[in-house]
């Protein structure tokens, strides 16, 4: 069984985006940083001025958000939650201690949430999943995976789900990075018992600060989860913004196209500097290197923040927002390329 990622000083798992902490550490003013550490769309949905009433009214389930979200995701039933993170933390509370297999490497909060609630957690590589299913009660897949960007055929995921569901098991599919490639989504199948799909407005829509996510699943499970989380999990301004963003079809189409282009551009740029990604998706690229820590520090010393991961040693690069940011990253990588020529590899 793999150990969990190390905790930071707050007692929480480390994540990207802690720019103020890093800015103080490297003594570079906050406004001079280029933050590529989160995998969030840097050109997110342009939030319009919110009606004043959103600030004085309690959240209402009848405001139309669930119906709009169901249309967008192609789901029959879903529950709005305060970001998919809230569901990740709550779902382990809905089962008695179980055998849980979590895709590795992957988003570490999944394993942490199940482990701290007394479930037996095992990390599984993609090629180990089929063998692990007979001894698994809950299988957690991040899809596309974070940080590898790997996706699985829908038919394969549904087969795994069917094997688990035969004995009351769950397949949880975290689709936080799915919006650019919706053809791989399982949201439309989430009426099946034991299939739980998590979605988020934080990445593709760039609304991470609003903390809006959705759980797609059978009504009975959603009722349990809603009872556990309690009322008003998503605030009224966030619900209003989410409803507007999910209905902005023209923006979604244009953004989907632009992100796919940008993801390929980032892959090409990194490869040009002898940092060929081992994987990635439209919103980030993943580079494995035994010198990942040194590379992280080299970039940070120039005011560029990327996501460092230690298992395996690797870096996740998010997308620059504007052309000057692309040029800045290009310039920063050039001396690193010369200094560490030949250091990277493209497979785990």
C-alpha atoms as a PDB file:
ATOM      1  CA  UNK A   1       0.000   0.000   0.000  1.00  0.00           C
ATOM      2  CA  UNK A   2       1.401   3.398  -0.976  1.00  0.00           C
ATOM      3  CA  UNK A   3       1.753   6.054   1.698  1.00  0.00           C
ATOM      4  CA  UNK A   4      -0.128   9.327   1.467  1.00  0.00           C
ATOM      5  CA  UNK A   5       1.465  12.498   0.187  1.00  0.00           C
ATOM      6  CA  UNK A   6       3.154  14.571   2.914  1.00  0.00           C
ATOM      7  CA  UNK A   7       1.169  17.153   4.843  1.00  0.00           C
ATOM      8  CA  UNK A   8       2.067  20.827   4.843  1.00  0.00           C
ATOM      9  CA  UNK A   9       2.327  22.896   8.014  1.00  0.00           C
ATOM     10  CA  UNK A  10      -1.451  23.404   8.142  1.00  0.00           C
ATOM     11  CA  UNK A  11      -1.975  19.642   8.479  1.00  0.00           C
ATOM     12  CA  UNK A  12      -3.557  19.489   5.009  1.00  0.00           C
ATOM     13  CA  UNK A  13      -2.315  17.801   1.853  1.00  0.00           C
ATOM     14  CA  UNK A  14      -0.297  20.174  -0.361  1.00  0.00           C
ATOM     15  CA  UNK A  15      -1.936  21.612  -3.475  1.00  0.00           C
ATOM     16  CA  UNK A  16      -1.124  24.050  -6.220  1.00  0.00           C
ATOM     17  CA  UNK A  17      -2.141  27.688  -6.062  1.00  0.00           C
ATOM     18  CA  UNK A  18      -0.644  28.639  -2.679  1.00  0.00           C
ATOM     19  CA  UNK A  19       0.975  31.619  -4.319  1.00  0.00           C
ATOM     20  CA  UNK A  20       1.253  33.875  -1.278  1.00  0.00           C
ATOM     21  CA  UNK A  21       3.232  31.269   0.637  1.00  0.00           C
ATOM     22  CA  UNK A  22       5.618  30.679  -2.255  1.00  0.00           C
ATOM     23  CA  UNK A  23       5.978  34.406  -2.982  1.00  0.00           C
ATOM     24  CA  UNK A  24       7.101  34.977   0.598  1.00  0.00           C
ATOM     25  CA  UNK A  25       9.441  31.993   0.452  1.00  0.00           C
ATOM     26  CA  UNK A  26      11.212  33.258  -2.679  1.00  0.00           C
ATOM     27  CA  UNK A  27      10.916  36.970  -1.754  1.00  0.00           C
ATOM     28  CA  UNK A  28       9.263  37.876  -5.060  1.00  0.00           C
ATOM     29  CA  UNK A  29       6.259  40.249  -4.956  1.00  0.00           C
ATOM     30  CA  UNK A  30       2.923  38.537  -5.525  1.00  0.00           C
ATOM     31  CA  UNK A  31       2.075  40.548  -8.641  1.00  0.00           C
ATOM     32  CA  UNK A  32       5.271  39.438 -10.394  1.00  0.00           C
ATOM     33  CA  UNK A  33       4.408  35.723 -10.402  1.00  0.00           C
ATOM     34  CA  UNK A  34       3.192  33.529 -13.242  1.00  0.00           C
ATOM     35  CA  UNK A  35       1.102  30.840 -11.568  1.00  0.00           C
ATOM     36  CA  UNK A  36       0.913  27.641 -13.622  1.00  0.00           C
ATOM     37  CA  UNK A  37       0.407  25.364 -10.625  1.00  0.00           C
ATOM     38  CA  UNK A  38      -3.344  24.714 -10.536  1.00  0.00           C
ATOM     39  CA  UNK A  39      -4.510  23.366 -13.894  1.00  0.00           C
ATOM     40  CA  UNK A  40      -7.297  25.953 -13.825  1.00  0.00           C
ATOM     41  CA  UNK A  41      -8.316  27.607 -17.103  1.00  0.00           C
ATOM     42  CA  UNK A  42      -6.517  30.983 -16.875  1.00  0.00           C
ATOM     43  CA  UNK A  43      -9.129  32.510 -19.191  1.00  0.00           C
ATOM     44  CA  UNK A  44     -12.225  31.380 -17.343  1.00  0.00           C
ATOM     45  CA  UNK A  45     -15.850  32.212 -17.902  1.00  0.00           C
ATOM     46  CA  UNK A  46     -16.301  36.003 -17.613  1.00  0.00           C
ATOM     47  CA  UNK A  47     -18.503  36.449 -14.565  1.00  0.00           C
ATOM     48  CA  UNK A  48     -21.120  39.114 -15.083  1.00  0.00           C
ATOM     49  CA  UNK A  49     -22.344  41.556 -12.480  1.00  0.00           C
ATOM     50  CA  UNK A  50     -24.438  39.621  -9.980  1.00  0.00           C
ATOM     51  CA  UNK A  51     -27.944  40.777  -9.063  1.00  0.00           C
ATOM     52  CA  UNK A  52     -27.958  42.423  -5.650  1.00  0.00           C
ATOM     53  CA  UNK A  53     -30.574  39.901  -4.509  1.00  0.00           C
ATOM     54  CA  UNK A  54     -28.019  37.070  -4.638  1.00  0.00           C
ATOM     55  CA  UNK A  55     -26.278  38.564  -1.606  1.00  0.00           C
ATOM     56  CA  UNK A  56     -29.364  38.813   0.602  1.00  0.00           C
ATOM     57  CA  UNK A  57     -31.203  35.576  -0.167  1.00  0.00           C
ATOM     58  CA  UNK A  58     -30.459  32.126   1.185  1.00  0.00           C
ATOM     59  CA  UNK A  59     -29.697  29.476  -1.470  1.00  0.00           C
ATOM     60  CA  UNK A  60     -32.823  27.861  -2.948  1.00  0.00           C
ATOM     61  CA  UNK A  61     -32.853  24.394  -4.499  1.00  0.00           C
ATOM     62  CA  UNK A  62     -35.634  25.511  -6.858  1.00  0.00           C
ATOM     63  CA  UNK A  63     -33.508  28.183  -8.570  1.00  0.00           C
ATOM     64  CA  UNK A  64     -33.072  26.120 -11.756  1.00  0.00           C
ATOM     65  CA  UNK A  65     -29.399  25.213 -11.261  1.00  0.00           C
ATOM     66  CA  UNK A  66     -29.910  21.407 -11.017  1.00  0.00           C
ATOM     67  CA  UNK A  67     -31.934  21.299 -14.234  1.00  0.00           C
ATOM     68  CA  UNK A  68     -29.403  23.439 -16.110  1.00  0.00           C
ATOM     69  CA  UNK A  69     -26.533  21.291 -14.841  1.00  0.00           C
ATOM     70  CA  UNK A  70     -28.338  18.076 -15.831  1.00  0.00           C
ATOM     71  CA  UNK A  71     -28.686  19.375 -19.390  1.00  0.00           C
ATOM     72  CA  UNK A  72     -25.034  20.388 -19.555  1.00  0.00           C
ATOM     73  CA  UNK A  73     -23.681  17.089 -18.204  1.00  0.00           C
ATOM     74  CA  UNK A  74     -26.275  14.848 -19.834  1.00  0.00           C
ATOM     75  CA  UNK A  75     -27.185  13.490 -16.411  1.00  0.00           C
ATOM     76  CA  UNK A  76     -30.606  12.505 -15.098  1.00  0.00           C
ATOM     77  CA  UNK A  77     -29.943  13.324 -11.441  1.00  0.00           C
ATOM     78  CA  UNK A  78     -27.339  15.381  -9.637  1.00  0.00           C
ATOM     79  CA  UNK A  79     -26.647  17.278  -6.447  1.00  0.00           C
ATOM     80  CA  UNK A  80     -24.883  20.666  -6.360  1.00  0.00           C
ATOM     81  CA  UNK A  81     -22.095  20.666  -3.770  1.00  0.00           C
ATOM     82  CA  UNK A  82     -19.436  23.098  -2.569  1.00  0.00           C
ATOM     83  CA  UNK A  83     -16.883  21.906  -5.091  1.00  0.00           C
ATOM     84  CA  UNK A  84     -16.247  18.235  -5.786  1.00  0.00           C
ATOM     85  CA  UNK A  85     -13.849  18.300  -2.813  1.00  0.00           C
ATOM     86  CA  UNK A  86     -16.806  18.349  -0.433  1.00  0.00           C
ATOM     87  CA  UNK A  87     -18.166  15.174  -2.021  1.00  0.00           C
ATOM     88  CA  UNK A  88     -14.722  13.536  -1.911  1.00  0.00           C
ATOM     89  CA  UNK A  89     -14.653  14.133   1.853  1.00  0.00           C
ATOM     90  CA  UNK A  90     -18.258  13.048   2.451  1.00  0.00           C
ATOM     91  CA  UNK A  91     -18.662   9.902   0.345  1.00  0.00           C
ATOM     92  CA  UNK A  92     -16.489   7.706   2.628  1.00  0.00           C
ATOM     93  CA  UNK A  93     -18.963   8.439   5.425  1.00  0.00           C
ATOM     94  CA  UNK A  94     -21.747   6.701   3.500  1.00  0.00           C
ATOM     95  CA  UNK A  95     -20.141   3.247   3.647  1.00  0.00           C
ATOM     96  CA  UNK A  96     -19.009   0.935   6.415  1.00  0.00           C
ATOM     97  CA  UNK A  97     -15.252   0.232   6.355  1.00  0.00           C
ATOM     98  CA  UNK A  98     -14.482  -1.104   2.908  1.00  0.00           C
ATOM     99  CA  UNK A  99     -11.663  -2.107   0.573  1.00  0.00           C
ATOM    100  CA  UNK A 100     -10.933   0.914  -1.587  1.00  0.00           C
ATOM    101  CA  UNK A 101      -8.678   0.968  -4.654  1.00  0.00           C
ATOM    102  CA  UNK A 102      -7.549   4.418  -5.813  1.00  0.00           C
ATOM    103  CA  UNK A 103      -5.816   5.168  -9.101  1.00  0.00           C
ATOM    104  CA  UNK A 104      -2.160   6.084  -8.590  1.00  0.00           C
ATOM    105  CA  UNK A 105      -0.595   8.460  -9.260  1.00  0.00           C
ATOM    106  CA  UNK A 106      -3.687  10.575  -8.883  1.00  0.00           C
ATOM    107  CA  UNK A 107      -5.407  13.308  -6.900  1.00  0.00           C
ATOM    108  CA  UNK A 108      -4.250  12.493  -3.365  1.00  0.00           C
ATOM    109  CA  UNK A 109      -7.360  13.788  -1.571  1.00  0.00           C
ATOM    110  CA  UNK A 110      -9.304  10.680  -2.617  1.00  0.00           C
ATOM    111  CA  UNK A 111      -7.021   8.237  -0.837  1.00  0.00           C
ATOM    112  CA  UNK A 112      -6.700  10.578   2.127  1.00  0.00           C
ATOM    113  CA  UNK A 113     -10.478  10.922   2.583  1.00  0.00           C
ATOM    114  CA  UNK A 114     -11.109   7.176   2.544  1.00  0.00           C
ATOM    115  CA  UNK A 115      -8.113   6.347   4.695  1.00  0.00           C
ATOM    116  CA  UNK A 116      -8.908   8.816   7.452  1.00  0.00           C
ATOM    117  CA  UNK A 117     -12.422   7.324   7.681  1.00  0.00           C
ATOM    118  CA  UNK A 118     -10.998   3.874   8.475  1.00  0.00           C
ATOM    119  CA  UNK A 119     -11.298   2.267   5.043  1.00  0.00           C
ATOM    120  CA  UNK A 120      -8.504   0.063   3.748  1.00  0.00           C
ATOM    121  CA  UNK A 121      -6.966   1.967   0.839  1.00  0.00           C
ATOM    122  CA  UNK A 122      -4.730   0.505  -1.845  1.00  0.00           C
ATOM    123  CA  UNK A 123      -3.070   2.487  -4.607  1.00  0.00           C
ATOM    124  CA  UNK A 124      -3.411   0.847  -8.021  1.00  0.00           C
ATOM    125  CA  UNK A 125      -1.681   1.639 -11.294  1.00  0.00           C
ATOM    126  CA  UNK A 126      -3.830   1.545 -14.456  1.00  0.00           C
ATOM    127  CA  UNK A 127      -2.567  -1.902 -15.423  1.00  0.00           C
ATOM    128  CA  UNK A 128      -3.413  -3.273 -11.956  1.00  0.00           C
ATOM    129  CA  UNK A 129      -7.085  -2.285 -11.868  1.00  0.00           C
ATOM    130  CA  UNK A 130      -8.544  -5.348 -13.565  1.00  0.00           C
ATOM    131  CA  UNK A 131      -6.729  -7.648 -11.178  1.00  0.00           C
ATOM    132  CA  UNK A 132      -7.719  -5.543  -8.152  1.00  0.00           C
ATOM    133  CA  UNK A 133     -11.468  -5.420  -8.786  1.00  0.00           C
ATOM    134  CA  UNK A 134     -12.368  -8.831  -7.262  1.00  0.00           C
ATOM    135  CA  UNK A 135     -10.937  -7.681  -3.919  1.00  0.00           C
ATOM    136  CA  UNK A 136     -12.294  -4.117  -4.172  1.00  0.00           C
ATOM    137  CA  UNK A 137     -15.514  -2.624  -2.803  1.00  0.00           C
ATOM    138  CA  UNK A 138     -14.935   0.926  -4.047  1.00  0.00           C
ATOM    139  CA  UNK A 139     -12.827   1.878  -7.064  1.00  0.00           C
ATOM    140  CA  UNK A 140     -11.853   5.533  -7.485  1.00  0.00           C
ATOM    141  CA  UNK A 141     -10.812   6.727 -10.934  1.00  0.00           C
ATOM    142  CA  UNK A 142      -9.684  10.265 -11.762  1.00  0.00           C
ATOM    143  CA  UNK A 143     -10.654  10.758 -15.398  1.00  0.00           C
ATOM    144  CA  UNK A 144      -8.812  12.388 -17.098  1.00  0.00           C
ATOM    145  CA  UNK A 145      -6.314  11.536 -14.444  1.00  0.00           C
ATOM    146  CA  UNK A 146      -4.556  14.242 -12.484  1.00  0.00           C
ATOM    147  CA  UNK A 147      -1.611  14.493 -13.077  1.00  0.00           C
ATOM    148  CA  UNK A 148      -1.111  11.922 -15.850  1.00  0.00           C
ATOM    149  CA  UNK A 149      -4.011  13.004 -18.078  1.00  0.00           C
ATOM    150  CA  UNK A 150      -4.827   9.351 -18.800  1.00  0.00           C
ATOM    151  CA  UNK A 151      -8.348   8.423 -19.906  1.00  0.00           C
ATOM    152  CA  UNK A 152     -10.036   5.040 -20.122  1.00  0.00           C
ATOM    153  CA  UNK A 153     -12.522   3.808 -22.734  1.00  0.00           C
ATOM    154  CA  UNK A 154     -16.094   4.282 -21.571  1.00  0.00           C
ATOM    155  CA  UNK A 155     -16.782   0.593 -22.218  1.00  0.00           C
ATOM    156  CA  UNK A 156     -13.914  -0.414 -19.923  1.00  0.00           C
ATOM    157  CA  UNK A 157     -15.154   1.814 -17.102  1.00  0.00           C
ATOM    158  CA  UNK A 158     -18.696   0.480 -17.451  1.00  0.00           C
ATOM    159  CA  UNK A 159     -17.388  -3.090 -17.330  1.00  0.00           C
ATOM    160  CA  UNK A 160     -15.493  -2.330 -14.118  1.00  0.00           C
ATOM    161  CA  UNK A 161     -18.618  -0.737 -12.696  1.00  0.00           C
ATOM    162  CA  UNK A 162     -20.725  -3.775 -13.566  1.00  0.00           C
ATOM    163  CA  UNK A 163     -18.301  -6.084 -11.768  1.00  0.00           C
ATOM    164  CA  UNK A 164     -18.389  -3.896  -8.663  1.00  0.00           C
ATOM    165  CA  UNK A 165     -22.150  -3.329  -8.718  1.00  0.00           C
ATOM    166  CA  UNK A 166     -22.848  -7.073  -8.719  1.00  0.00           C
ATOM    167  CA  UNK A 167     -21.809  -7.132  -5.055  1.00  0.00           C
ATOM    168  CA  UNK A 168     -22.914  -3.662  -4.006  1.00  0.00           C
ATOM    169  CA  UNK A 169     -19.654  -1.919  -4.876  1.00  0.00           C
ATOM    170  CA  UNK A 170     -19.094   1.589  -6.151  1.00  0.00           C
ATOM    171  CA  UNK A 171     -17.210   3.093  -9.031  1.00  0.00           C
ATOM    172  CA  UNK A 172     -16.410   6.749  -8.335  1.00  0.00           C
ATOM    173  CA  UNK A 173     -15.240   8.722 -11.369  1.00  0.00           C
ATOM    174  CA  UNK A 174     -13.752  12.150 -10.711  1.00  0.00           C
ATOM    175  CA  UNK A 175     -14.234  14.140 -13.924  1.00  0.00           C
ATOM    176  CA  UNK A 176     -12.912  17.516 -12.762  1.00  0.00           C
ATOM    177  CA  UNK A 177     -10.868  17.875 -15.981  1.00  0.00           C
ATOM    178  CA  UNK A 178     -13.430  16.305 -18.348  1.00  0.00           C
ATOM    179  CA  UNK A 179     -15.130  19.363 -19.873  1.00  0.00           C
ATOM    180  CA  UNK A 180     -12.748  19.749 -22.814  1.00  0.00           C
ATOM    181  CA  UNK A 181     -13.352  16.112 -23.829  1.00  0.00           C
ATOM    182  CA  UNK A 182     -16.998  15.380 -22.888  1.00  0.00           C
ATOM    183  CA  UNK A 183     -17.148  12.338 -25.154  1.00  0.00           C
ATOM    184  CA  UNK A 184     -15.296  10.385 -22.437  1.00  0.00           C
ATOM    185  CA  UNK A 185     -17.735  11.316 -19.647  1.00  0.00           C
ATOM    186  CA  UNK A 186     -19.775   8.757 -17.695  1.00  0.00           C
ATOM    187  CA  UNK A 187     -22.273  11.300 -16.380  1.00  0.00           C
ATOM    188  CA  UNK A 188     -25.021   9.986 -18.670  1.00  0.00           C
ATOM    189  CA  UNK A 189     -24.665   6.510 -17.107  1.00  0.00           C
ATOM    190  CA  UNK A 190     -24.864   7.666 -13.489  1.00  0.00           C
ATOM    191  CA  UNK A 191     -28.421   6.342 -13.106  1.00  0.00           C
ATOM    192  CA  UNK A 192     -26.842   2.911 -12.650  1.00  0.00           C
ATOM    193  CA  UNK A 193     -26.569   1.736  -9.029  1.00  0.00           C
ATOM    194  CA  UNK A 194     -23.124   2.306  -7.580  1.00  0.00           C
ATOM    195  CA  UNK A 195     -21.869   4.647 -10.317  1.00  0.00           C
ATOM    196  CA  UNK A 196     -20.948   8.069  -8.922  1.00  0.00           C
ATOM    197  CA  UNK A 197     -19.577  10.825 -11.167  1.00  0.00           C
ATOM    198  CA  UNK A 198     -18.052  14.009  -9.774  1.00  0.00           C
ATOM    199  CA  UNK A 199     -17.940  17.205 -11.817  1.00  0.00           C
ATOM    200  CA  UNK A 200     -16.583  20.667 -11.062  1.00  0.00           C
ATOM    201  CA  UNK A 201     -16.774  24.227 -12.391  1.00  0.00           C
ATOM    202  CA  UNK A 202     -13.305  24.985 -11.057  1.00  0.00           C
ATOM    203  CA  UNK A 203     -11.121  23.851 -13.971  1.00  0.00           C
ATOM    204  CA  UNK A 204     -12.691  24.344 -17.416  1.00  0.00           C
ATOM    205  CA  UNK A 205     -14.884  27.262 -16.354  1.00  0.00           C
ATOM    206  CA  UNK A 206     -12.134  28.751 -14.185  1.00  0.00           C
ATOM    207  CA  UNK A 207     -14.559  29.297 -11.307  1.00  0.00           C
ATOM    208  CA  UNK A 208     -12.463  27.616  -8.627  1.00  0.00           C
ATOM    209  CA  UNK A 209     -13.101  30.377  -6.113  1.00  0.00           C
ATOM    210  CA  UNK A 210     -16.879  29.902  -6.348  1.00  0.00           C
ATOM    211  CA  UNK A 211     -16.573  26.308  -5.031  1.00  0.00           C
ATOM    212  CA  UNK A 212     -19.271  24.726  -7.214  1.00  0.00           C
ATOM    213  CA  UNK A 213     -19.369  21.046  -8.076  1.00  0.00           C
ATOM    214  CA  UNK A 214     -21.904  18.328  -8.803  1.00  0.00           C
ATOM    215  CA  UNK A 215     -22.417  14.700  -7.884  1.00  0.00           C
ATOM    216  CA  UNK A 216     -24.206  12.602 -10.516  1.00  0.00           C
ATOM    217  CA  UNK A 217     -25.677   9.397  -9.090  1.00  0.00           C
ATOM    218  CA  UNK A 218     -28.885   7.565  -8.251  1.00  0.00           C
ATOM    219  CA  UNK A 219     -31.495   9.634  -6.367  1.00  0.00           C
ATOM    220  CA  UNK A 220     -31.293   7.462  -3.246  1.00  0.00           C
ATOM    221  CA  UNK A 221     -27.557   8.041  -2.858  1.00  0.00           C
ATOM    222  CA  UNK A 222     -27.923  11.759  -3.600  1.00  0.00           C
ATOM    223  CA  UNK A 223     -30.559  11.978  -0.874  1.00  0.00           C
ATOM    224  CA  UNK A 224     -28.157  10.386   1.619  1.00  0.00           C
ATOM    225  CA  UNK A 225     -25.362  12.732   0.588  1.00  0.00           C
ATOM    226  CA  UNK A 226     -27.606  15.790   0.756  1.00  0.00           C
ATOM    227  CA  UNK A 227     -28.721  14.830   4.260  1.00  0.00           C
ATOM    228  CA  UNK A 228     -25.106  14.427   5.329  1.00  0.00           C
ATOM    229  CA  UNK A 229     -23.929  17.752   3.871  1.00  0.00           C
ATOM    230  CA  UNK A 230     -26.894  19.739   5.155  1.00  0.00           C
ATOM    231  CA  UNK A 231     -28.583  22.828   3.726  1.00  0.00           C
ATOM    232  CA  UNK A 232     -27.039  25.700   1.760  1.00  0.00           C
ATOM    233  CA  UNK A 233     -23.883  23.921   0.635  1.00  0.00           C
ATOM    234  CA  UNK A 234     -23.502  26.240  -2.390  1.00  0.00           C
ATOM    235  CA  UNK A 235     -23.976  29.957  -1.763  1.00  0.00           C
ATOM    236  CA  UNK A 236     -26.474  32.004  -3.752  1.00  0.00           C
ATOM    237  CA  UNK A 237     -23.986  34.115  -5.777  1.00  0.00           C
ATOM    238  CA  UNK A 238     -22.106  30.967  -6.785  1.00  0.00           C
ATOM    239  CA  UNK A 239     -25.336  29.232  -7.807  1.00  0.00           C
ATOM    240  CA  UNK A 240     -26.312  32.217  -9.949  1.00  0.00           C
ATOM    241  CA  UNK A 241     -22.918  32.363 -11.682  1.00  0.00           C
ATOM    242  CA  UNK A 242     -22.884  28.599 -12.233  1.00  0.00           C
ATOM    243  CA  UNK A 243     -26.335  28.683 -13.828  1.00  0.00           C
ATOM    244  CA  UNK A 244     -25.232  31.385 -16.275  1.00  0.00           C
ATOM    245  CA  UNK A 245     -21.925  29.688 -17.126  1.00  0.00           C
ATOM    246  CA  UNK A 246     -23.530  26.302 -17.772  1.00  0.00           C
ATOM    247  CA  UNK A 247     -25.922  27.900 -20.265  1.00  0.00           C
ATOM    248  CA  UNK A 248     -23.267  29.825 -22.197  1.00  0.00           C
ATOM    249  CA  UNK A 249     -22.946  27.350 -25.062  1.00  0.00           C
ATOM    250  CA  UNK A 250     -21.018  29.638 -27.416  1.00  0.00           C
ATOM    251  CA  UNK A 251     -18.370  30.348 -24.771  1.00  0.00           C
ATOM    252  CA  UNK A 252     -18.110  26.636 -23.998  1.00  0.00           C
ATOM    253  CA  UNK A 253     -17.551  25.675 -27.639  1.00  0.00           C
ATOM    254  CA  UNK A 254     -14.940  28.358 -28.208  1.00  0.00           C
ATOM    255  CA  UNK A 255     -13.174  27.573 -24.936  1.00  0.00           C
ATOM    256  CA  UNK A 256     -13.116  23.852 -25.626  1.00  0.00           C
ATOM    257  CA  UNK A 257     -11.431  24.513 -28.967  1.00  0.00           C
ATOM    258  CA  UNK A 258      -8.978  27.039 -27.519  1.00  0.00           C
ATOM    259  CA  UNK A 259      -7.959  24.801 -24.620  1.00  0.00           C
ATOM    260  CA  UNK A 260      -7.230  21.846 -26.865  1.00  0.00           C
ATOM    261  CA  UNK A 261      -5.014  24.078 -29.008  1.00  0.00           C
ATOM    262  CA  UNK A 262      -3.289  25.535 -25.935  1.00  0.00           C
ATOM    263  CA  UNK A 263      -2.707  22.091 -24.438  1.00  0.00           C
ATOM    264  CA  UNK A 264      -0.954  20.978 -27.619  1.00  0.00           C
ATOM    265  CA  UNK A 265       1.050  24.202 -27.705  1.00  0.00           C
ATOM    266  CA  UNK A 266       2.260  23.618 -24.143  1.00  0.00           C
ATOM    267  CA  UNK A 267       3.223  20.039 -24.994  1.00  0.00           C
ATOM    268  CA  UNK A 268       5.197  21.283 -28.008  1.00  0.00           C
ATOM    269  CA  UNK A 269       6.913  24.005 -25.983  1.00  0.00           C
ATOM    270  CA  UNK A 270       8.013  21.629 -23.247  1.00  0.00           C
ATOM    271  CA  UNK A 271       9.211  19.071 -25.781  1.00  0.00           C
ATOM    272  CA  UNK A 272      11.209  21.776 -27.565  1.00  0.00           C
ATOM    273  CA  UNK A 273      13.053  22.377 -24.293  1.00  0.00           C
ATOM    274  CA  UNK A 274      13.712  18.649 -23.844  1.00  0.00           C
ATOM    275  CA  UNK A 275      10.920  18.255 -21.299  1.00  0.00           C
ATOM    276  CA  UNK A 276       8.682  15.849 -23.236  1.00  0.00           C
ATOM    277  CA  UNK A 277       5.475  15.347 -21.235  1.00  0.00           C
ATOM    278  CA  UNK A 278       4.655  11.866 -20.037  1.00  0.00           C
ATOM    279  CA  UNK A 279       0.983  12.794 -20.193  1.00  0.00           C
ATOM    280  CA  UNK A 280      -1.483  15.606 -19.919  1.00  0.00           C
ATOM    281  CA  UNK A 281      -4.785  16.983 -21.117  1.00  0.00           C
ATOM    282  CA  UNK A 282      -6.166  20.254 -22.434  1.00  0.00           C
ATOM    283  CA  UNK A 283      -5.488  22.058 -19.142  1.00  0.00           C
ATOM    284  CA  UNK A 284      -2.046  20.788 -18.105  1.00  0.00           C
ATOM    285  CA  UNK A 285       1.019  18.781 -19.102  1.00  0.00           C
ATOM    286  CA  UNK A 286       2.918  16.381 -16.853  1.00  0.00           C
ATOM    287  CA  UNK A 287       6.717  16.029 -16.949  1.00  0.00           C
ATOM    288  CA  UNK A 288       8.585  13.293 -15.087  1.00  0.00           C
ATOM    289  CA  UNK A 289      12.171  13.982 -14.057  1.00  0.00           C
ATOM    290  CA  UNK A 290      14.552  12.857 -11.349  1.00  0.00           C
ATOM    291  CA  UNK A 291      15.508  16.552 -11.205  1.00  0.00           C
ATOM    292  CA  UNK A 292      11.914  17.729 -10.678  1.00  0.00           C
ATOM    293  CA  UNK A 293      12.695  19.439  -7.357  1.00  0.00           C
ATOM    294  CA  UNK A 294      15.618  21.375  -8.844  1.00  0.00           C
ATOM    295  CA  UNK A 295      13.531  22.369 -11.853  1.00  0.00           C
ATOM    296  CA  UNK A 296      10.727  23.535  -9.591  1.00  0.00           C
ATOM    297  CA  UNK A 297      13.137  25.759  -7.679  1.00  0.00           C
ATOM    298  CA  UNK A 298      14.783  27.095 -10.841  1.00  0.00           C
ATOM    299  CA  UNK A 299      11.410  28.201 -12.196  1.00  0.00           C
ATOM    300  CA  UNK A 300      10.262  29.567  -8.839  1.00  0.00           C
ATOM    301  CA  UNK A 301      13.422  31.656  -8.584  1.00  0.00           C
ATOM    302  CA  UNK A 302      12.195  33.347 -11.768  1.00  0.00           C
ATOM    303  CA  UNK A 303       8.684  33.865 -10.407  1.00  0.00           C
ATOM    304  CA  UNK A 304       7.065  30.937 -12.225  1.00  0.00           C
ATOM    305  CA  UNK A 305       5.107  28.516 -10.058  1.00  0.00           C
ATOM    306  CA  UNK A 306       4.394  24.969 -11.249  1.00  0.00           C
ATOM    307  CA  UNK A 307       3.057  21.971  -9.358  1.00  0.00           C
ATOM    308  CA  UNK A 308       5.667  19.677  -7.850  1.00  0.00           C
ATOM    309  CA  UNK A 309       4.786  16.041  -7.154  1.00  0.00           C
ATOM    310  CA  UNK A 310       7.092  13.584  -5.467  1.00  0.00           C
ATOM    311  CA  UNK A 311       5.677  10.169  -6.455  1.00  0.00           C
ATOM    312  CA  UNK A 312       7.088   9.929  -9.043  1.00  0.00           C
ATOM    313  CA  UNK A 313       9.244  13.102  -9.027  1.00  0.00           C
ATOM    314  CA  UNK A 314       7.483  15.243 -11.592  1.00  0.00           C
ATOM    315  CA  UNK A 315       6.087  18.643 -12.497  1.00  0.00           C
ATOM    316  CA  UNK A 316       2.638  19.607 -13.716  1.00  0.00           C
ATOM    317  CA  UNK A 317       2.516  22.686 -15.945  1.00  0.00           C
ATOM    318  CA  UNK A 318      -0.741  24.596 -16.329  1.00  0.00           C
ATOM    319  CA  UNK A 319      -1.565  26.915 -19.215  1.00  0.00           C
ATOM    320  CA  UNK A 320      -0.258  30.478 -19.520  1.00  0.00           C
ATOM    321  CA  UNK A 321      -3.080  32.996 -19.912  1.00  0.00           C
ATOM    322  CA  UNK A 322      -1.720  35.414 -22.528  1.00  0.00           C
ATOM    323  CA  UNK A 323       1.000  35.618 -25.155  1.00  0.00           C
ATOM    324  CA  UNK A 324       3.465  37.487 -22.872  1.00  0.00           C
ATOM    325  CA  UNK A 325       3.067  34.648 -20.358  1.00  0.00           C
ATOM    326  CA  UNK A 326       3.849  32.061 -23.033  1.00  0.00           C
ATOM    327  CA  UNK A 327       6.947  34.014 -24.015  1.00  0.00           C
ATOM    328  CA  UNK A 328       8.025  34.320 -20.394  1.00  0.00           C
ATOM    329  CA  UNK A 329       7.775  30.572 -19.883  1.00  0.00           C
ATOM    330  CA  UNK A 330       9.709  29.970 -23.089  1.00  0.00           C
ATOM    331  CA  UNK A 331      12.508  32.286 -21.965  1.00  0.00           C
ATOM    332  CA  UNK A 332      12.632  30.721 -18.497  1.00  0.00           C
ATOM    333  CA  UNK A 333      12.913  27.192 -19.864  1.00  0.00           C
ATOM    334  CA  UNK A 334      15.792  27.977 -22.234  1.00  0.00           C
ATOM    335  CA  UNK A 335      18.595  28.171 -19.625  1.00  0.00           C
ATOM    336  CA  UNK A 336      17.064  25.254 -17.720  1.00  0.00           C
ATOM    337  CA  UNK A 337      17.173  23.246 -20.920  1.00  0.00           C
ATOM    338  CA  UNK A 338      20.863  24.007 -21.333  1.00  0.00           C
ATOM    339  CA  UNK A 339      21.684  23.315 -17.675  1.00  0.00           C
ATOM    340  CA  UNK A 340      19.817  20.038 -17.388  1.00  0.00           C
ATOM    341  CA  UNK A 341      20.193  18.804 -20.963  1.00  0.00           C
ATOM    342  CA  UNK A 342      19.191  15.188 -21.202  1.00  0.00           C
ATOM    343  CA  UNK A 343      17.772  14.916 -17.683  1.00  0.00           C
ATOM    344  CA  UNK A 344      14.093  14.192 -18.394  1.00  0.00           C
ATOM    345  CA  UNK A 345      12.251  11.081 -19.401  1.00  0.00           C
ATOM    346  CA  UNK A 346       8.753  10.658 -20.755  1.00  0.00           C
ATOM    347  CA  UNK A 347       7.570   7.460 -19.065  1.00  0.00           C
ATOM    348  CA  UNK A 348       7.058   6.595 -15.383  1.00  0.00           C
END
